[in-house]
Structure formats: structure tokens, C-alpha cells
Amino acid sequence: MATKKTAPTITTRQIYEKVCSVEKMLKDCLEAPSPAMSPSEKQPYLAAAAPDLPLSVIHLENATDFLPCFDEADLFYGMKDIPVIMSYCPEQVMRIGEEYYLTGPMIFFRLNEEGSIVSLTVEDLYQLAEFLEEHTVILMSGPDSFVGIRLD
């Protein structure tokens, strides 16, 4: 199986526009009054992405819609220089040579001192967008190509 890596097709402008969109959504969600909800009932904001889907802000309760094995049979990936954890399905990791590539969805979240999931910050979203831009590659297998996220 011949495999060839090519440069990412995502431009800096596209990443900037995605981050601005996510930032606006997160700001709107955080500033919107929540009717009759106590702070303890609020769901943390996480992020979801996939090699072929943009970074999106989601609630914790919706994580399994993006990653069905979230918090059950998922694996964690510690983000270098970012206080965020990435959750993904181990069955969607492909090994090519000595490198590993994620070909399915992922959920990003933070943990507090007690080990509970807490909301991501806007700065986290910027850093995650940069991570995705730097690690997104197009993989080729014969005439077929697909997008993957390189795991270091």
C-alpha cells in the first residue's frame, strides 16, 4: 500500500474565520441568561472536531453525539503546551510507518483540580485551532485520499 503525505489544505485565513466563529458562539452562549438554572446545573463547554469537520463548541451532554465512546471506551491524548485533553476512539487510529493518524472525531476538554470536566476557554479554542492546522494532513492510499490528524 503506497502512502503519500501532502501538505494541509487549510489556510490560515480559514482557521482564523473558524476561530472567530467559535469565539462568537462561545461568547453568546456564556453571556446568554439561562432561565432558572443554578450554576451547578450548567453544562461545561467542550469542543468537537474531526479531520473533515471544523472545530465546534458543544455541551458535555452532547459529547456522545460526536464521539459515541466518549467517557466509556475512549483514549486520552495530552496536548503539549495546552492544558486540554483530547478524547478519541482507538479504533479510528491508523498507523503508517512509525506515525499514527486519527481518522475519526475527537472531543477536547479541561479538567479541574478535582478531576471534573470544566469548560474550555477562548484561548484554548485558539490553541486547538492551531493544533488542528499543524497536525492535519492529507493521506493517500493508491487513488484514494483522506484527511487525518497526526498524533505525535
N, C-alpha and C. Protein backbone atom coordinates (compact mmCIF):
# COMPACT_ATOMS: atom_id res chain seq x y z
N MET A 1 0.85 -1.17 0.00
CA MET A 1 0.00 0.00 0.00
C MET A 1 0.89 1.23 0.00
N ALA A 2 0.89 1.96 -1.06
CA ALA A 2 1.69 3.17 -1.16
C ALA A 2 0.97 4.31 -0.47
N THR A 3 1.68 5.01 0.38
CA THR A 3 1.08 6.10 1.12
C THR A 3 1.91 7.35 0.93
N LYS A 4 1.24 8.44 0.70
CA LYS A 4 1.94 9.69 0.49
C LYS A 4 1.27 10.77 1.32
N LYS A 5 2.08 11.55 2.02
CA LYS A 5 1.54 12.66 2.80
C LYS A 5 1.70 13.92 1.98
N THR A 6 0.69 14.76 2.04
CA THR A 6 0.78 16.05 1.38
C THR A 6 0.49 17.14 2.40
N ALA A 7 0.75 18.35 2.04
CA ALA A 7 0.58 19.48 2.93
C ALA A 7 -0.91 19.71 3.21
N PRO A 8 -1.23 20.26 4.39
CA PRO A 8 -2.62 20.56 4.70
C PRO A 8 -3.20 21.57 3.71
N THR A 9 -4.50 21.46 3.48
CA THR A 9 -5.15 22.37 2.55
C THR A 9 -5.87 23.50 3.27
N ILE A 10 -5.83 23.50 4.58
CA ILE A 10 -6.49 24.54 5.36
C ILE A 10 -5.59 25.77 5.39
N THR A 11 -6.15 26.91 5.03
CA THR A 11 -5.36 28.14 5.03
C THR A 11 -5.47 28.83 6.38
N THR A 12 -4.53 29.71 6.64
CA THR A 12 -4.55 30.47 7.89
C THR A 12 -5.82 31.30 7.98
N ARG A 13 -6.28 31.84 6.87
CA ARG A 13 -7.50 32.63 6.85
C ARG A 13 -8.71 31.79 7.24
N GLN A 14 -8.78 30.56 6.75
CA GLN A 14 -9.88 29.68 7.09
C GLN A 14 -9.88 29.36 8.58
N ILE A 15 -8.70 29.11 9.14
CA ILE A 15 -8.58 28.84 10.57
C ILE A 15 -9.02 30.06 11.36
N TYR A 16 -8.58 31.24 10.93
CA TYR A 16 -8.95 32.48 11.62
C TYR A 16 -10.48 32.65 11.61
N GLU A 17 -11.11 32.42 10.47
CA GLU A 17 -12.55 32.56 10.37
C GLU A 17 -13.28 31.55 11.25
N LYS A 18 -12.77 30.32 11.31
CA LYS A 18 -13.38 29.30 12.17
C LYS A 18 -13.26 29.69 13.63
N VAL A 19 -12.08 30.15 14.04
CA VAL A 19 -11.87 30.53 15.43
C VAL A 19 -12.77 31.71 15.79
N CYS A 20 -12.88 32.70 14.91
CA CYS A 20 -13.77 33.84 15.17
C CYS A 20 -15.21 33.39 15.33
N SER A 21 -15.65 32.47 14.50
CA SER A 21 -17.00 31.95 14.58
C SER A 21 -17.22 31.20 15.89
N VAL A 22 -16.27 30.35 16.26
CA VAL A 22 -16.38 29.60 17.50
C VAL A 22 -16.34 30.54 18.70
N GLU A 23 -15.48 31.55 18.64
CA GLU A 23 -15.38 32.52 19.73
C GLU A 23 -16.71 33.26 19.91
N LYS A 24 -17.34 33.66 18.81
CA LYS A 24 -18.62 34.36 18.89
C LYS A 24 -19.69 33.45 19.48
N MET A 25 -19.73 32.19 19.03
CA MET A 25 -20.71 31.24 19.57
C MET A 25 -20.50 31.04 21.07
N LEU A 26 -19.24 30.86 21.48
CA LEU A 26 -18.94 30.64 22.89
C LEU A 26 -19.31 31.86 23.71
N LYS A 27 -18.97 33.04 23.22
CA LYS A 27 -19.29 34.28 23.93
C LYS A 27 -20.80 34.43 24.07
N ASP A 28 -21.54 34.18 22.99
CA ASP A 28 -23.00 34.26 23.04
C ASP A 28 -23.58 33.27 24.04
N CYS A 29 -23.04 32.07 24.05
CA CYS A 29 -23.54 31.05 24.98
C CYS A 29 -23.24 31.42 26.43
N LEU A 30 -22.05 31.93 26.68
CA LEU A 30 -21.67 32.26 28.05
C LEU A 30 -22.39 33.50 28.56
N GLU A 31 -22.74 34.43 27.68
CA GLU A 31 -23.40 35.66 28.09
C GLU A 31 -24.92 35.54 28.12
N ALA A 32 -25.47 34.56 27.47
CA ALA A 32 -26.93 34.41 27.42
C ALA A 32 -27.44 34.00 28.79
N PRO A 33 -28.48 34.67 29.26
CA PRO A 33 -29.04 34.27 30.56
C PRO A 33 -29.69 32.90 30.45
N SER A 34 -29.44 32.09 31.43
CA SER A 34 -30.04 30.76 31.42
C SER A 34 -31.22 30.77 32.39
N PRO A 35 -32.42 30.53 31.88
CA PRO A 35 -33.62 30.62 32.70
C PRO A 35 -33.65 29.56 33.80
N ALA A 36 -33.78 30.06 35.02
CA ALA A 36 -33.97 29.20 36.20
C ALA A 36 -32.96 28.08 36.34
N MET A 37 -31.73 28.29 35.90
CA MET A 37 -30.69 27.28 36.08
C MET A 37 -29.69 27.77 37.11
N SER A 38 -29.41 26.94 38.06
CA SER A 38 -28.38 27.29 39.02
C SER A 38 -27.02 27.01 38.38
N PRO A 39 -25.94 27.63 38.88
CA PRO A 39 -24.62 27.39 38.29
C PRO A 39 -24.23 25.92 38.29
N SER A 40 -24.71 25.15 39.26
CA SER A 40 -24.35 23.74 39.31
C SER A 40 -25.01 22.92 38.21
N GLU A 41 -26.12 23.45 37.63
CA GLU A 41 -26.81 22.73 36.56
C GLU A 41 -26.26 23.05 35.18
N LYS A 42 -25.41 24.06 35.06
CA LYS A 42 -24.86 24.43 33.75
C LYS A 42 -23.91 23.35 33.26
N GLN A 43 -24.02 23.06 31.98
CA GLN A 43 -23.15 22.06 31.36
C GLN A 43 -21.86 22.72 30.90
N PRO A 44 -20.73 22.08 31.11
CA PRO A 44 -19.46 22.64 30.62
C PRO A 44 -19.44 22.68 29.09
N TYR A 45 -18.70 23.64 28.56
CA TYR A 45 -18.49 23.75 27.12
C TYR A 45 -17.22 23.02 26.74
N LEU A 46 -17.35 22.11 25.77
CA LEU A 46 -16.24 21.35 25.24
C LEU A 46 -16.10 21.72 23.77
N ALA A 47 -15.15 21.12 23.09
CA ALA A 47 -15.02 21.32 21.65
C ALA A 47 -14.99 19.95 20.98
N ALA A 48 -15.55 19.90 19.80
CA ALA A 48 -15.55 18.68 19.00
C ALA A 48 -14.98 19.03 17.63
N ALA A 49 -14.29 18.06 17.05
CA ALA A 49 -13.75 18.23 15.70
C ALA A 49 -13.54 16.84 15.10
N ALA A 50 -13.31 16.82 13.83
CA ALA A 50 -12.95 15.60 13.11
C ALA A 50 -12.07 16.04 11.95
N PRO A 51 -11.32 15.12 11.37
CA PRO A 51 -10.45 15.52 10.26
C PRO A 51 -11.18 16.25 9.14
N ASP A 52 -12.45 15.93 8.94
CA ASP A 52 -13.21 16.56 7.86
C ASP A 52 -14.29 17.52 8.36
N LEU A 53 -14.30 17.80 9.68
CA LEU A 53 -15.28 18.71 10.27
C LEU A 53 -14.57 19.80 11.06
N PRO A 54 -15.11 21.03 11.04
CA PRO A 54 -14.44 22.12 11.76
C PRO A 54 -14.60 22.00 13.27
N LEU A 55 -13.77 22.71 13.97
CA LEU A 55 -13.83 22.80 15.42
C LEU A 55 -15.16 23.43 15.81
N SER A 56 -15.90 22.79 16.72
CA SER A 56 -17.21 23.27 17.14
C SER A 56 -17.31 23.25 18.66
N VAL A 57 -18.03 24.20 19.22
CA VAL A 57 -18.28 24.23 20.66
C VAL A 57 -19.54 23.42 20.94
N ILE A 58 -19.47 22.52 21.93
CA ILE A 58 -20.61 21.67 22.28
C ILE A 58 -20.75 21.64 23.80
N HIS A 59 -21.89 21.18 24.27
CA HIS A 59 -22.09 20.93 25.69
C HIS A 59 -21.61 19.51 26.01
N LEU A 60 -21.27 19.29 27.26
CA LEU A 60 -20.84 17.96 27.70
C LEU A 60 -21.90 16.91 27.38
N GLU A 61 -23.17 17.25 27.57
CA GLU A 61 -24.24 16.27 27.34
C GLU A 61 -24.33 15.83 25.88
N ASN A 62 -23.75 16.60 24.95
CA ASN A 62 -23.79 16.25 23.53
C ASN A 62 -22.52 15.55 23.04
N ALA A 63 -21.57 15.31 23.91
CA ALA A 63 -20.29 14.73 23.50
C ALA A 63 -20.46 13.38 22.82
N THR A 64 -21.37 12.56 23.32
CA THR A 64 -21.53 11.23 22.70
C THR A 64 -22.19 11.29 21.33
N ASP A 65 -22.80 12.43 20.98
CA ASP A 65 -23.34 12.59 19.62
C ASP A 65 -22.19 12.66 18.61
N PHE A 66 -21.05 13.21 19.04
CA PHE A 66 -19.88 13.34 18.16
C PHE A 66 -18.94 12.15 18.30
N LEU A 67 -18.80 11.66 19.54
CA LEU A 67 -17.88 10.55 19.82
C LEU A 67 -18.64 9.55 20.70
N PRO A 68 -19.28 8.54 20.08
CA PRO A 68 -20.13 7.62 20.84
C PRO A 68 -19.45 6.93 22.02
N CYS A 69 -18.15 6.72 21.94
CA CYS A 69 -17.45 6.03 23.03
C CYS A 69 -16.91 6.99 24.09
N PHE A 70 -17.29 8.27 24.02
CA PHE A 70 -16.79 9.27 24.98
C PHE A 70 -17.11 8.84 26.40
N ASP A 71 -16.09 8.87 27.24
CA ASP A 71 -16.21 8.54 28.66
C ASP A 71 -16.53 7.06 28.91
N GLU A 72 -16.30 6.21 27.89
CA GLU A 72 -16.53 4.78 28.06
C GLU A 72 -15.32 3.98 27.58
N ALA A 73 -15.11 3.96 26.26
CA ALA A 73 -14.03 3.16 25.69
C ALA A 73 -13.06 4.04 24.91
N ASP A 74 -12.99 5.32 25.28
CA ASP A 74 -12.14 6.25 24.56
C ASP A 74 -10.73 6.28 25.15
N LEU A 75 -9.81 6.85 24.39
CA LEU A 75 -8.45 7.07 24.86
C LEU A 75 -8.22 8.56 24.99
N PHE A 76 -7.27 8.93 25.84
CA PHE A 76 -6.95 10.33 26.05
C PHE A 76 -5.59 10.66 25.45
N TYR A 77 -5.48 11.86 24.94
CA TYR A 77 -4.25 12.36 24.34
C TYR A 77 -3.96 13.68 25.02
N GLY A 78 -2.84 13.76 25.74
CA GLY A 78 -2.45 15.00 26.40
C GLY A 78 -1.88 15.97 25.39
N MET A 79 -2.40 17.16 25.39
CA MET A 79 -1.97 18.18 24.45
C MET A 79 -0.70 18.85 24.97
N LYS A 80 0.33 18.89 24.16
CA LYS A 80 1.58 19.52 24.55
C LYS A 80 1.40 21.03 24.62
N ASP A 81 1.77 21.63 25.73
CA ASP A 81 1.71 23.07 25.96
C ASP A 81 0.28 23.63 25.99
N ILE A 82 -0.72 22.78 26.07
CA ILE A 82 -2.11 23.24 26.17
C ILE A 82 -2.73 22.44 27.33
N PRO A 83 -3.39 23.11 28.29
CA PRO A 83 -3.99 22.38 29.41
C PRO A 83 -5.32 21.72 29.05
N VAL A 84 -5.34 21.02 27.92
CA VAL A 84 -6.56 20.42 27.38
C VAL A 84 -6.28 18.95 27.09
N ILE A 85 -7.30 18.14 27.23
CA ILE A 85 -7.20 16.71 26.93
C ILE A 85 -8.07 16.42 25.71
N MET A 86 -7.56 15.57 24.84
CA MET A 86 -8.32 15.15 23.66
C MET A 86 -8.76 13.70 23.87
N SER A 87 -10.03 13.44 23.65
CA SER A 87 -10.59 12.09 23.74
C SER A 87 -10.91 11.62 22.33
N TYR A 88 -10.56 10.36 22.04
CA TYR A 88 -10.82 9.82 20.70
C TYR A 88 -11.01 8.31 20.78
N CYS A 89 -11.53 7.75 19.73
CA CYS A 89 -11.77 6.32 19.65
C CYS A 89 -10.52 5.61 19.14
N PRO A 90 -9.98 4.65 19.89
CA PRO A 90 -8.75 3.99 19.45
C PRO A 90 -8.89 3.21 18.15
N GLU A 91 -10.10 2.79 17.80
CA GLU A 91 -10.30 2.06 16.55
C GLU A 91 -10.16 2.95 15.33
N GLN A 92 -10.13 4.27 15.53
CA GLN A 92 -10.04 5.18 14.40
C GLN A 92 -8.64 5.78 14.26
N VAL A 93 -7.65 5.05 14.78
CA VAL A 93 -6.26 5.46 14.63
C VAL A 93 -5.61 4.53 13.62
N MET A 94 -4.91 5.12 12.67
CA MET A 94 -4.23 4.36 11.62
C MET A 94 -2.73 4.55 11.77
N ARG A 95 -1.99 3.47 11.69
CA ARG A 95 -0.53 3.55 11.74
C ARG A 95 0.02 3.45 10.33
N ILE A 96 0.84 4.44 9.97
CA ILE A 96 1.54 4.43 8.69
C ILE A 96 3.01 4.63 9.00
N GLY A 97 3.79 3.60 8.76
CA GLY A 97 5.21 3.66 9.13
C GLY A 97 5.32 3.75 10.64
N GLU A 98 6.02 4.75 11.10
CA GLU A 98 6.19 4.96 12.53
C GLU A 98 5.23 6.00 13.09
N GLU A 99 4.34 6.54 12.27
CA GLU A 99 3.45 7.61 12.71
C GLU A 99 2.01 7.10 12.82
N TYR A 100 1.26 7.77 13.71
CA TYR A 100 -0.13 7.43 13.94
C TYR A 100 -1.01 8.61 13.51
N TYR A 101 -2.17 8.29 12.91
CA TYR A 101 -3.08 9.30 12.42
C TYR A 101 -4.50 8.98 12.90
N LEU A 102 -5.16 9.98 13.41
CA LEU A 102 -6.55 9.85 13.82
C LEU A 102 -7.43 10.18 12.64
N THR A 103 -8.35 9.29 12.32
CA THR A 103 -9.22 9.49 11.16
C THR A 103 -10.67 9.71 11.55
N GLY A 104 -10.95 9.80 12.84
CA GLY A 104 -12.32 9.99 13.31
C GLY A 104 -12.46 11.22 14.21
N PRO A 105 -13.62 11.38 14.81
CA PRO A 105 -13.90 12.57 15.64
C PRO A 105 -13.12 12.57 16.95
N MET A 106 -13.01 13.77 17.52
CA MET A 106 -12.34 13.93 18.79
C MET A 106 -13.08 14.98 19.62
N ILE A 107 -12.98 14.84 20.94
CA ILE A 107 -13.58 15.78 21.88
C ILE A 107 -12.44 16.38 22.71
N PHE A 108 -12.46 17.70 22.88
CA PHE A 108 -11.46 18.40 23.67
C PHE A 108 -12.12 18.95 24.94
N PHE A 109 -11.44 18.80 26.09
CA PHE A 109 -11.99 19.29 27.34
C PHE A 109 -10.87 19.59 28.34
N ARG A 110 -11.24 20.27 29.41
CA ARG A 110 -10.34 20.57 30.52
C ARG A 110 -10.81 19.82 31.77
N LEU A 111 -9.88 19.58 32.68
CA LEU A 111 -10.21 19.01 33.98
C LEU A 111 -9.81 20.01 35.06
N ASN A 112 -10.61 20.10 36.12
CA ASN A 112 -10.22 20.95 37.24
C ASN A 112 -9.39 20.14 38.24
N GLU A 113 -9.08 20.75 39.37
CA GLU A 113 -8.23 20.09 40.39
C GLU A 113 -8.87 18.82 40.94
N GLU A 114 -10.20 18.76 40.94
CA GLU A 114 -10.89 17.58 41.46
C GLU A 114 -11.05 16.48 40.40
N GLY A 115 -10.65 16.75 39.18
CA GLY A 115 -10.78 15.78 38.10
C GLY A 115 -12.11 15.84 37.37
N SER A 116 -12.89 16.90 37.60
CA SER A 116 -14.17 17.08 36.90
C SER A 116 -13.96 17.85 35.60
N ILE A 117 -14.78 17.56 34.62
CA ILE A 117 -14.70 18.27 33.34
C ILE A 117 -15.25 19.68 33.52
N VAL A 118 -14.48 20.66 33.03
CA VAL A 118 -14.89 22.07 33.09
C VAL A 118 -14.81 22.66 31.69
N SER A 119 -15.40 23.84 31.52
CA SER A 119 -15.45 24.49 30.21
C SER A 119 -14.08 24.89 29.69
N LEU A 120 -13.95 24.83 28.37
CA LEU A 120 -12.76 25.35 27.71
C LEU A 120 -12.81 26.87 27.72
N THR A 121 -11.65 27.48 27.57
CA THR A 121 -11.58 28.94 27.46
C THR A 121 -11.44 29.32 25.99
N VAL A 122 -11.63 30.61 25.70
CA VAL A 122 -11.45 31.09 24.34
C VAL A 122 -10.01 30.88 23.90
N GLU A 123 -9.06 31.10 24.81
CA GLU A 123 -7.65 30.85 24.48
C GLU A 123 -7.42 29.39 24.11
N ASP A 124 -8.08 28.48 24.83
CA ASP A 124 -7.97 27.05 24.49
C ASP A 124 -8.41 26.81 23.05
N LEU A 125 -9.50 27.46 22.64
CA LEU A 125 -10.02 27.26 21.29
C LEU A 125 -9.02 27.74 20.24
N TYR A 126 -8.36 28.88 20.50
CA TYR A 126 -7.33 29.36 19.58
C TYR A 126 -6.20 28.33 19.47
N GLN A 127 -5.76 27.83 20.61
CA GLN A 127 -4.66 26.85 20.61
C GLN A 127 -5.07 25.55 19.94
N LEU A 128 -6.31 25.13 20.14
CA LEU A 128 -6.79 23.91 19.48
C LEU A 128 -6.87 24.09 17.97
N ALA A 129 -7.30 25.28 17.52
CA ALA A 129 -7.34 25.55 16.09
C ALA A 129 -5.93 25.49 15.50
N GLU A 130 -4.95 26.02 16.22
CA GLU A 130 -3.55 25.95 15.75
C GLU A 130 -3.07 24.50 15.72
N PHE A 131 -3.40 23.73 16.76
CA PHE A 131 -3.03 22.32 16.81
C PHE A 131 -3.59 21.58 15.60
N LEU A 132 -4.88 21.79 15.32
CA LEU A 132 -5.51 21.11 14.20
C LEU A 132 -4.89 21.52 12.87
N GLU A 133 -4.58 22.80 12.74
CA GLU A 133 -3.95 23.27 11.50
C GLU A 133 -2.58 22.62 11.29
N GLU A 134 -1.80 22.54 12.37
CA GLU A 134 -0.45 21.98 12.28
C GLU A 134 -0.43 20.47 12.09
N HIS A 135 -1.46 19.76 12.57
CA HIS A 135 -1.45 18.31 12.55
C HIS A 135 -2.36 17.69 11.49
N THR A 136 -3.12 18.50 10.76
CA THR A 136 -4.00 17.97 9.72
C THR A 136 -3.19 17.69 8.46
N VAL A 137 -3.30 16.47 7.97
CA VAL A 137 -2.59 16.08 6.75
C VAL A 137 -3.55 15.31 5.84
N ILE A 138 -3.23 15.34 4.56
CA ILE A 138 -3.96 14.53 3.60
C ILE A 138 -3.16 13.28 3.36
N LEU A 139 -3.78 12.15 3.57
CA LEU A 139 -3.13 10.86 3.38
C LEU A 139 -3.64 10.24 2.10
N MET A 140 -2.75 9.57 1.38
CA MET A 140 -3.15 8.96 0.11
C MET A 140 -2.84 7.47 0.16
N SER A 141 -3.78 6.71 -0.35
CA SER A 141 -3.61 5.27 -0.48
C SER A 141 -4.08 4.91 -1.89
N GLY A 142 -3.12 4.72 -2.78
CA GLY A 142 -3.47 4.50 -4.17
C GLY A 142 -4.16 5.74 -4.72
N PRO A 143 -5.30 5.58 -5.38
CA PRO A 143 -6.00 6.75 -5.93
C PRO A 143 -6.85 7.48 -4.87
N ASP A 144 -7.03 6.87 -3.69
CA ASP A 144 -7.88 7.45 -2.67
C ASP A 144 -7.10 8.36 -1.74
N SER A 145 -7.73 9.44 -1.31
CA SER A 145 -7.12 10.31 -0.32
C SER A 145 -8.13 10.60 0.79
N PHE A 146 -7.63 10.86 1.98
CA PHE A 146 -8.47 11.19 3.11
C PHE A 146 -7.66 12.03 4.08
N VAL A 147 -8.36 12.71 4.97
CA VAL A 147 -7.73 13.61 5.91
C VAL A 147 -7.54 12.90 7.24
N GLY A 148 -6.41 13.16 7.87
CA GLY A 148 -6.11 12.59 9.18
C GLY A 148 -5.44 13.64 10.06
N ILE A 149 -5.47 13.39 11.36
CA ILE A 149 -4.80 14.24 12.33
C ILE A 149 -3.60 13.46 12.85
N ARG A 150 -2.40 14.00 12.62
CA ARG A 150 -1.18 13.33 13.05
C ARG A 150 -1.06 13.40 14.57
N LEU A 151 -0.88 12.26 15.19
CA LEU A 151 -0.66 12.19 16.63
C LEU A 151 0.83 12.08 16.89
N ASP A 152 1.38 12.99 17.67
CA ASP A 152 2.83 12.96 17.95
C ASP A 152 3.15 11.98 19.05
